[in-house]
Structures are given as C-alpha cells and as structure tokens.
C-alpha cells in the first residue's frame, strides 16, 4: 500500500526523511558536502524542499515551481 506524502498525513520529521530518501536514492550522495542541487539551480535539498518539510507547501507544489523555472513559454 502506498503511503500518503501529503502534509496532513505526515510529521515534519517524516517529510524530512521522505525528501532525503527520495533524492539521496536518485543521486547517490549523502548531501553532506554535495552541491549537485546547486549545480541544477535548486540549492541544497533542505533549501529546495524546506517549504514541504515545514508543512507550508505540498511536495507537488514545490516540484511544479522548480520545473516552471525551466519551461520556456
């Protein structure tokens, strides 16, 4: 069964873990001294996804805002 990633269904600690596991699993870095997200224009993971971690914006919103910076109209 897929677990919900929505803010209402998670704690701050769970959201932080979701972000780090998802991104660490994709890039292979432990994020400690990595600048990979900086190189992609996103900043460090904790900065890029901080609004989700803090419960201010859903994960989908953060991702959509990030992608929108690269779309040419």
Protein backbone atom coordinates (compact mmCIF):
# COMPACT_ATOMS: atom_id res chain seq x y z
CA UNK A 1 0.00 0.00 0.00
CA UNK A 2 1.37 3.40 -0.99
CA UNK A 3 1.67 5.79 1.92
CA UNK A 4 0.44 9.36 1.55
CA UNK A 5 3.05 12.09 1.17
CA UNK A 6 0.57 14.86 1.93
CA UNK A 7 1.37 17.31 4.70
CA UNK A 8 -1.80 16.40 6.60
CA UNK A 9 -0.68 12.76 6.71
CA UNK A 10 2.94 13.27 7.76
CA UNK A 11 5.01 14.81 10.52
CA UNK A 12 7.83 17.24 9.87
CA UNK A 13 10.36 14.50 10.66
CA UNK A 14 8.67 12.13 8.22
CA UNK A 15 8.66 14.79 5.48
CA UNK A 16 12.35 15.44 6.01
CA UNK A 17 13.04 11.71 5.74
CA UNK A 18 10.87 11.46 2.59
CA UNK A 19 12.85 14.23 0.90
CA UNK A 20 16.28 12.92 1.83
CA UNK A 21 15.48 9.29 0.96
CA UNK A 22 13.92 10.15 -2.38
CA UNK A 23 16.69 12.43 -3.54
CA UNK A 24 19.59 10.58 -1.98
CA UNK A 25 18.38 7.38 -3.60
CA UNK A 26 18.38 9.07 -7.00
CA UNK A 27 21.73 10.78 -6.94
CA UNK A 28 23.77 8.61 -4.58
CA UNK A 29 25.08 11.49 -2.49
CA UNK A 30 24.63 11.83 1.24
CA UNK A 31 24.08 15.60 0.75
CA UNK A 32 26.59 16.44 3.44
CA UNK A 33 29.02 18.30 1.20
CA UNK A 34 27.24 17.93 -2.10
CA UNK A 35 26.50 20.83 -4.41
CA UNK A 36 24.66 18.77 -7.03
CA UNK A 37 21.34 20.51 -6.49
CA UNK A 38 23.14 23.88 -6.56
CA UNK A 39 24.50 22.96 -9.98
CA UNK A 40 20.94 22.31 -11.16
CA UNK A 41 19.78 25.68 -9.88
CA UNK A 42 17.90 24.29 -6.92
CA UNK A 43 20.12 24.96 -3.96
CA UNK A 44 20.68 22.43 -1.23
CA UNK A 45 17.93 19.91 -0.69
CA UNK A 46 16.95 21.34 2.66
CA UNK A 47 16.54 24.72 0.97
CA UNK A 48 14.79 23.45 -2.14
CA UNK A 49 12.24 21.40 -0.21
CA UNK A 50 12.12 23.38 3.03
CA UNK A 51 8.56 24.62 2.43
CA UNK A 52 7.40 21.00 2.15
CA UNK A 53 9.39 19.91 5.18
CA UNK A 54 7.93 22.82 7.18
CA UNK A 55 4.39 21.99 6.04
CA UNK A 56 3.88 25.18 4.02
CA UNK A 57 3.55 23.69 0.53
CA UNK A 58 2.76 20.22 -0.75
CA UNK A 59 5.54 18.28 -2.43
CA UNK A 60 3.80 18.55 -5.80
CA UNK A 61 3.68 22.35 -5.47
CA UNK A 62 7.39 22.60 -4.73
CA UNK A 63 8.23 20.35 -7.68
CA UNK A 64 5.94 22.31 -10.03
CA UNK A 65 7.53 25.63 -9.01
CA UNK A 66 11.02 24.19 -9.57
CA UNK A 67 10.10 22.81 -13.02
CA UNK A 68 8.41 26.08 -14.02
CA UNK A 69 11.77 27.86 -13.84
CA UNK A 70 13.00 25.75 -16.75
CA UNK A 71 9.94 25.93 -19.01
CA UNK A 72 10.11 28.39 -21.85
CA UNK A 73 6.85 30.00 -22.88
